[in-house]
Structure formats: structure tokens, C-alpha cells
Amino acid sequence: MRDTHLAALIAELTARSAEFRSMWDAHTVAPCGRDVHTLAHPAVGELTVTQQTFDVPKEPHQCLVTFTAEPGSPSTAALEALKTRGRTVDVPVACAPTP
């Protein structure tokens, strides 16, 4: 991995979280243009987001990934709550897909 900051973050998350380590080791990453995910966030509970991935034409190994929620939905309120509450803990947490 060429990005040293990303490598350090992954190493930290892997060391701190068995759940993250399990998800990272599974390596279930596949390209997709658009997909809907239901996530379990430790601070705001379950939320549903739409992921869209946009290729960067002049940078073949780069893409922009966005996550949005349906306007007016409980998921939008949860994302707003996360945005406005700030970070109150110093331990990173990973959202997990709901079963």
C-alpha cells in the first residue's frame, strides 16, 4: 500500500477491532456504480445509504465514493446528527452491514 496514512489507519483499526479485522480480511470489495447499504452505526443505530462510485478519468486508480440518504428519512436525520455532534471519542469505529 503506497498511502502511508491509510496503511497506518488500517493497522490501527485492525489492532483495535476484531470486527474491523474480520471485515478487512474478508476483502469483499467489488466495483459497483450504485448500491444501497443498510448499516449499523454504534452512535445512531441503523441507517440506509445509497453509495455511488464515480471514476476519475485522468486518474485510473482513483474514484470518488459518495454516500447519501433519502431526503427526509430517519437515515438523513442520523447523518445530520453525526455531522453536528462532532467526534466525542478517540477510538475509531467501523459501521457494519446489518445482517
N, C-alpha and C. Protein backbone atom coordinates (compact mmCIF):
# COMPACT_ATOMS: atom_id res chain seq x y z
N MET A 1 0.85 -1.17 0.00
CA MET A 1 0.00 0.00 0.00
C MET A 1 0.90 1.23 0.00
N ARG A 2 0.68 2.14 -0.94
CA ARG A 2 1.54 3.30 -1.07
C ARG A 2 1.15 4.46 -0.17
N ASP A 3 -0.08 4.54 0.26
CA ASP A 3 -0.54 5.63 1.11
C ASP A 3 -0.22 5.30 2.56
N THR A 4 0.80 5.94 3.11
CA THR A 4 1.24 5.60 4.46
C THR A 4 0.21 5.96 5.52
N HIS A 5 -0.54 7.03 5.32
CA HIS A 5 -1.59 7.41 6.28
C HIS A 5 -2.71 6.37 6.30
N LEU A 6 -3.10 5.92 5.12
CA LEU A 6 -4.14 4.90 5.04
C LEU A 6 -3.65 3.59 5.65
N ALA A 7 -2.42 3.23 5.36
CA ALA A 7 -1.85 2.00 5.92
C ALA A 7 -1.82 2.07 7.44
N ALA A 8 -1.47 3.23 8.00
CA ALA A 8 -1.44 3.39 9.45
C ALA A 8 -2.84 3.29 10.05
N LEU A 9 -3.83 3.88 9.37
CA LEU A 9 -5.21 3.80 9.85
C LEU A 9 -5.70 2.36 9.84
N ILE A 10 -5.42 1.65 8.77
CA ILE A 10 -5.86 0.24 8.68
C ILE A 10 -5.17 -0.59 9.76
N ALA A 11 -3.90 -0.34 10.00
CA ALA A 11 -3.18 -1.07 11.05
C ALA A 11 -3.80 -0.79 12.42
N GLU A 12 -4.15 0.47 12.66
CA GLU A 12 -4.76 0.84 13.95
C GLU A 12 -6.13 0.19 14.11
N LEU A 13 -6.96 0.28 13.09
CA LEU A 13 -8.29 -0.32 13.17
C LEU A 13 -8.21 -1.84 13.32
N THR A 14 -7.29 -2.45 12.62
CA THR A 14 -7.11 -3.90 12.70
C THR A 14 -6.70 -4.32 14.10
N ALA A 15 -5.83 -3.53 14.73
CA ALA A 15 -5.36 -3.84 16.08
C ALA A 15 -6.45 -3.62 17.13
N ARG A 16 -7.33 -2.65 16.92
CA ARG A 16 -8.32 -2.27 17.93
C ARG A 16 -9.65 -3.00 17.82
N SER A 17 -9.96 -3.53 16.65
CA SER A 17 -11.31 -4.05 16.44
C SER A 17 -11.30 -5.40 15.73
N ALA A 18 -11.76 -6.41 16.44
CA ALA A 18 -11.88 -7.75 15.83
C ALA A 18 -12.91 -7.70 14.69
N GLU A 19 -13.96 -6.89 14.86
CA GLU A 19 -14.99 -6.79 13.83
C GLU A 19 -14.40 -6.19 12.55
N PHE A 20 -13.61 -5.10 12.70
CA PHE A 20 -12.98 -4.50 11.53
C PHE A 20 -12.02 -5.49 10.89
N ARG A 21 -11.21 -6.15 11.71
CA ARG A 21 -10.23 -7.13 11.21
C ARG A 21 -10.93 -8.20 10.38
N SER A 22 -12.07 -8.69 10.86
CA SER A 22 -12.83 -9.71 10.15
C SER A 22 -13.32 -9.18 8.81
N MET A 23 -13.87 -7.96 8.80
CA MET A 23 -14.37 -7.39 7.55
C MET A 23 -13.22 -7.13 6.58
N TRP A 24 -12.10 -6.61 7.11
CA TRP A 24 -10.95 -6.30 6.25
C TRP A 24 -10.38 -7.59 5.65
N ASP A 25 -10.25 -8.63 6.47
CA ASP A 25 -9.70 -9.89 5.99
C ASP A 25 -10.60 -10.56 4.96
N ALA A 26 -11.92 -10.36 5.08
CA ALA A 26 -12.85 -10.96 4.12
C ALA A 26 -12.66 -10.37 2.73
N HIS A 27 -12.22 -9.12 2.67
CA HIS A 27 -11.93 -8.42 1.42
C HIS A 27 -13.04 -8.58 0.39
N THR A 28 -14.26 -8.28 0.82
CA THR A 28 -15.41 -8.42 -0.06
C THR A 28 -15.68 -7.11 -0.80
N VAL A 29 -14.68 -6.64 -1.50
CA VAL A 29 -14.78 -5.38 -2.24
C VAL A 29 -14.95 -5.70 -3.71
N ALA A 30 -15.93 -5.09 -4.31
CA ALA A 30 -16.16 -5.26 -5.74
C ALA A 30 -16.63 -3.93 -6.31
N PRO A 31 -16.24 -3.63 -7.52
CA PRO A 31 -16.67 -2.37 -8.11
C PRO A 31 -18.19 -2.33 -8.28
N CYS A 32 -18.76 -1.19 -8.03
CA CYS A 32 -20.19 -1.01 -8.29
C CYS A 32 -20.43 0.46 -8.57
N GLY A 33 -21.35 0.75 -9.44
CA GLY A 33 -21.67 2.13 -9.75
C GLY A 33 -22.62 2.73 -8.72
N ARG A 34 -23.59 1.92 -8.29
CA ARG A 34 -24.59 2.39 -7.34
C ARG A 34 -25.11 1.20 -6.56
N ASP A 35 -25.24 1.37 -5.26
CA ASP A 35 -25.73 0.29 -4.42
C ASP A 35 -26.34 0.88 -3.16
N VAL A 36 -27.25 0.16 -2.54
CA VAL A 36 -27.88 0.61 -1.30
C VAL A 36 -27.40 -0.30 -0.18
N HIS A 37 -26.99 0.31 0.94
CA HIS A 37 -26.49 -0.44 2.09
C HIS A 37 -27.27 -0.06 3.34
N THR A 38 -27.56 -1.03 4.16
CA THR A 38 -28.10 -0.77 5.49
C THR A 38 -26.96 -1.04 6.47
N LEU A 39 -26.65 -0.04 7.30
CA LEU A 39 -25.52 -0.11 8.21
C LEU A 39 -25.98 0.00 9.65
N ALA A 40 -25.22 -0.58 10.54
CA ALA A 40 -25.45 -0.43 11.98
C ALA A 40 -24.34 0.45 12.53
N HIS A 41 -24.67 1.69 12.87
CA HIS A 41 -23.69 2.63 13.40
C HIS A 41 -23.80 2.64 14.92
N PRO A 42 -22.67 2.58 15.63
CA PRO A 42 -22.73 2.50 17.09
C PRO A 42 -23.34 3.72 17.77
N ALA A 43 -23.31 4.87 17.12
CA ALA A 43 -23.83 6.09 17.77
C ALA A 43 -25.27 6.40 17.38
N VAL A 44 -25.69 6.09 16.15
CA VAL A 44 -27.02 6.50 15.70
C VAL A 44 -27.91 5.33 15.29
N GLY A 45 -27.40 4.13 15.39
CA GLY A 45 -28.21 2.96 15.06
C GLY A 45 -28.23 2.65 13.58
N GLU A 46 -29.31 2.03 13.15
CA GLU A 46 -29.41 1.57 11.76
C GLU A 46 -29.71 2.73 10.83
N LEU A 47 -29.01 2.76 9.69
CA LEU A 47 -29.30 3.74 8.66
C LEU A 47 -29.08 3.12 7.30
N THR A 48 -29.82 3.62 6.33
CA THR A 48 -29.74 3.13 4.96
C THR A 48 -29.18 4.25 4.09
N VAL A 49 -28.13 3.92 3.35
CA VAL A 49 -27.48 4.91 2.49
C VAL A 49 -27.34 4.36 1.08
N THR A 50 -27.31 5.27 0.13
CA THR A 50 -27.03 4.92 -1.25
C THR A 50 -25.59 5.29 -1.54
N GLN A 51 -24.82 4.33 -2.02
CA GLN A 51 -23.43 4.54 -2.39
C GLN A 51 -23.36 4.73 -3.89
N GLN A 52 -22.65 5.78 -4.31
CA GLN A 52 -22.40 5.97 -5.74
C GLN A 52 -20.90 6.12 -5.92
N THR A 53 -20.37 5.45 -6.91
CA THR A 53 -18.95 5.49 -7.19
C THR A 53 -18.73 6.11 -8.57
N PHE A 54 -17.85 7.11 -8.60
CA PHE A 54 -17.56 7.83 -9.83
C PHE A 54 -16.08 7.65 -10.16
N ASP A 55 -15.78 7.16 -11.33
CA ASP A 55 -14.39 7.03 -11.77
C ASP A 55 -13.82 8.41 -12.06
N VAL A 56 -12.52 8.56 -11.84
CA VAL A 56 -11.80 9.79 -12.18
C VAL A 56 -11.02 9.49 -13.46
N PRO A 57 -11.49 9.98 -14.60
CA PRO A 57 -10.92 9.57 -15.89
C PRO A 57 -9.41 9.77 -16.02
N LYS A 58 -8.88 10.85 -15.51
CA LYS A 58 -7.45 11.10 -15.68
C LYS A 58 -6.59 10.45 -14.60
N GLU A 59 -7.21 9.78 -13.66
CA GLU A 59 -6.51 9.05 -12.60
C GLU A 59 -7.11 7.64 -12.55
N PRO A 60 -6.56 6.71 -13.32
CA PRO A 60 -7.20 5.40 -13.49
C PRO A 60 -7.39 4.60 -12.20
N HIS A 61 -6.62 4.85 -11.17
CA HIS A 61 -6.77 4.08 -9.94
C HIS A 61 -7.46 4.87 -8.84
N GLN A 62 -8.13 5.94 -9.23
CA GLN A 62 -8.82 6.78 -8.26
C GLN A 62 -10.31 6.82 -8.58
N CYS A 63 -11.12 6.95 -7.53
CA CYS A 63 -12.55 7.14 -7.72
C CYS A 63 -13.09 7.96 -6.55
N LEU A 64 -14.23 8.53 -6.75
CA LEU A 64 -14.93 9.29 -5.72
C LEU A 64 -16.13 8.46 -5.29
N VAL A 65 -16.24 8.22 -4.01
CA VAL A 65 -17.35 7.44 -3.48
C VAL A 65 -18.18 8.36 -2.59
N THR A 66 -19.48 8.41 -2.85
CA THR A 66 -20.38 9.23 -2.03
C THR A 66 -21.43 8.34 -1.38
N PHE A 67 -21.88 8.76 -0.21
CA PHE A 67 -22.96 8.08 0.49
C PHE A 67 -24.03 9.12 0.80
N THR A 68 -25.25 8.86 0.39
CA THR A 68 -26.36 9.77 0.65
C THR A 68 -27.53 8.99 1.21
N ALA A 69 -28.44 9.71 1.84
CA ALA A 69 -29.66 9.10 2.37
C ALA A 69 -30.86 9.77 1.72
N GLU A 70 -31.96 9.05 1.70
CA GLU A 70 -33.21 9.58 1.14
C GLU A 70 -33.61 10.84 1.91
N PRO A 71 -33.85 11.96 1.21
CA PRO A 71 -34.24 13.19 1.90
C PRO A 71 -35.45 12.98 2.81
N GLY A 72 -35.39 13.52 4.02
CA GLY A 72 -36.48 13.43 4.97
C GLY A 72 -36.57 12.10 5.70
N SER A 73 -35.66 11.18 5.43
CA SER A 73 -35.71 9.86 6.05
C SER A 73 -35.03 9.87 7.42
N PRO A 74 -35.31 8.85 8.24
CA PRO A 74 -34.58 8.72 9.51
C PRO A 74 -33.07 8.61 9.29
N SER A 75 -32.65 8.05 8.17
CA SER A 75 -31.22 7.95 7.88
C SER A 75 -30.60 9.31 7.65
N THR A 76 -31.34 10.21 7.00
CA THR A 76 -30.85 11.58 6.81
C THR A 76 -30.69 12.26 8.17
N ALA A 77 -31.66 12.07 9.05
CA ALA A 77 -31.57 12.66 10.40
C ALA A 77 -30.37 12.09 11.14
N ALA A 78 -30.11 10.79 10.98
CA ALA A 78 -28.96 10.16 11.65
C ALA A 78 -27.65 10.73 11.12
N LEU A 79 -27.55 10.92 9.80
CA LEU A 79 -26.33 11.51 9.23
C LEU A 79 -26.14 12.94 9.71
N GLU A 80 -27.21 13.70 9.78
CA GLU A 80 -27.12 15.07 10.30
C GLU A 80 -26.67 15.08 11.75
N ALA A 81 -27.18 14.14 12.55
CA ALA A 81 -26.78 14.05 13.95
C ALA A 81 -25.29 13.77 14.06
N LEU A 82 -24.79 12.89 13.21
CA LEU A 82 -23.35 12.59 13.23
C LEU A 82 -22.53 13.81 12.82
N LYS A 83 -23.03 14.53 11.84
CA LYS A 83 -22.30 15.70 11.33
C LYS A 83 -22.23 16.81 12.38
N THR A 84 -23.31 16.99 13.14
CA THR A 84 -23.36 18.11 14.07
C THR A 84 -22.83 17.78 15.46
N ARG A 85 -22.77 16.52 15.82
CA ARG A 85 -22.35 16.18 17.18
C ARG A 85 -20.85 16.24 17.38
N GLY A 86 -20.08 16.15 16.31
CA GLY A 86 -18.63 16.16 16.44
C GLY A 86 -18.14 14.83 16.96
N ARG A 87 -16.86 14.69 16.98
CA ARG A 87 -16.26 13.44 17.44
C ARG A 87 -16.03 13.52 18.94
N THR A 88 -16.68 12.62 19.67
CA THR A 88 -16.58 12.68 21.12
C THR A 88 -15.73 11.57 21.71
N VAL A 89 -15.28 10.64 20.90
CA VAL A 89 -14.41 9.57 21.38
C VAL A 89 -13.18 9.52 20.49
N ASP A 90 -12.08 9.03 21.03
CA ASP A 90 -10.85 8.97 20.25
C ASP A 90 -10.58 7.59 19.65
N VAL A 91 -11.52 6.69 19.76
CA VAL A 91 -11.36 5.35 19.19
C VAL A 91 -12.21 5.26 17.93
N PRO A 92 -11.57 5.02 16.77
CA PRO A 92 -12.37 4.90 15.56
C PRO A 92 -13.26 3.67 15.60
N VAL A 93 -14.46 3.80 15.04
CA VAL A 93 -15.37 2.67 14.98
C VAL A 93 -15.80 2.48 13.54
N ALA A 94 -16.05 1.25 13.18
CA ALA A 94 -16.48 0.95 11.82
C ALA A 94 -17.96 0.65 11.83
N CYS A 95 -18.67 1.12 10.82
CA CYS A 95 -20.05 0.73 10.64
C CYS A 95 -20.04 -0.68 10.08
N ALA A 96 -21.01 -1.44 10.46
CA ALA A 96 -21.11 -2.81 9.96
C ALA A 96 -22.39 -2.98 9.19
N PRO A 97 -22.33 -3.72 8.09
CA PRO A 97 -23.58 -4.02 7.39
C PRO A 97 -24.49 -4.81 8.32
N THR A 98 -25.77 -4.51 8.26
CA THR A 98 -26.69 -5.26 9.09
C THR A 98 -26.94 -6.62 8.45
N PRO A 99 -27.15 -7.65 9.27
CA PRO A 99 -27.36 -8.99 8.71
C PRO A 99 -28.63 -9.09 7.90
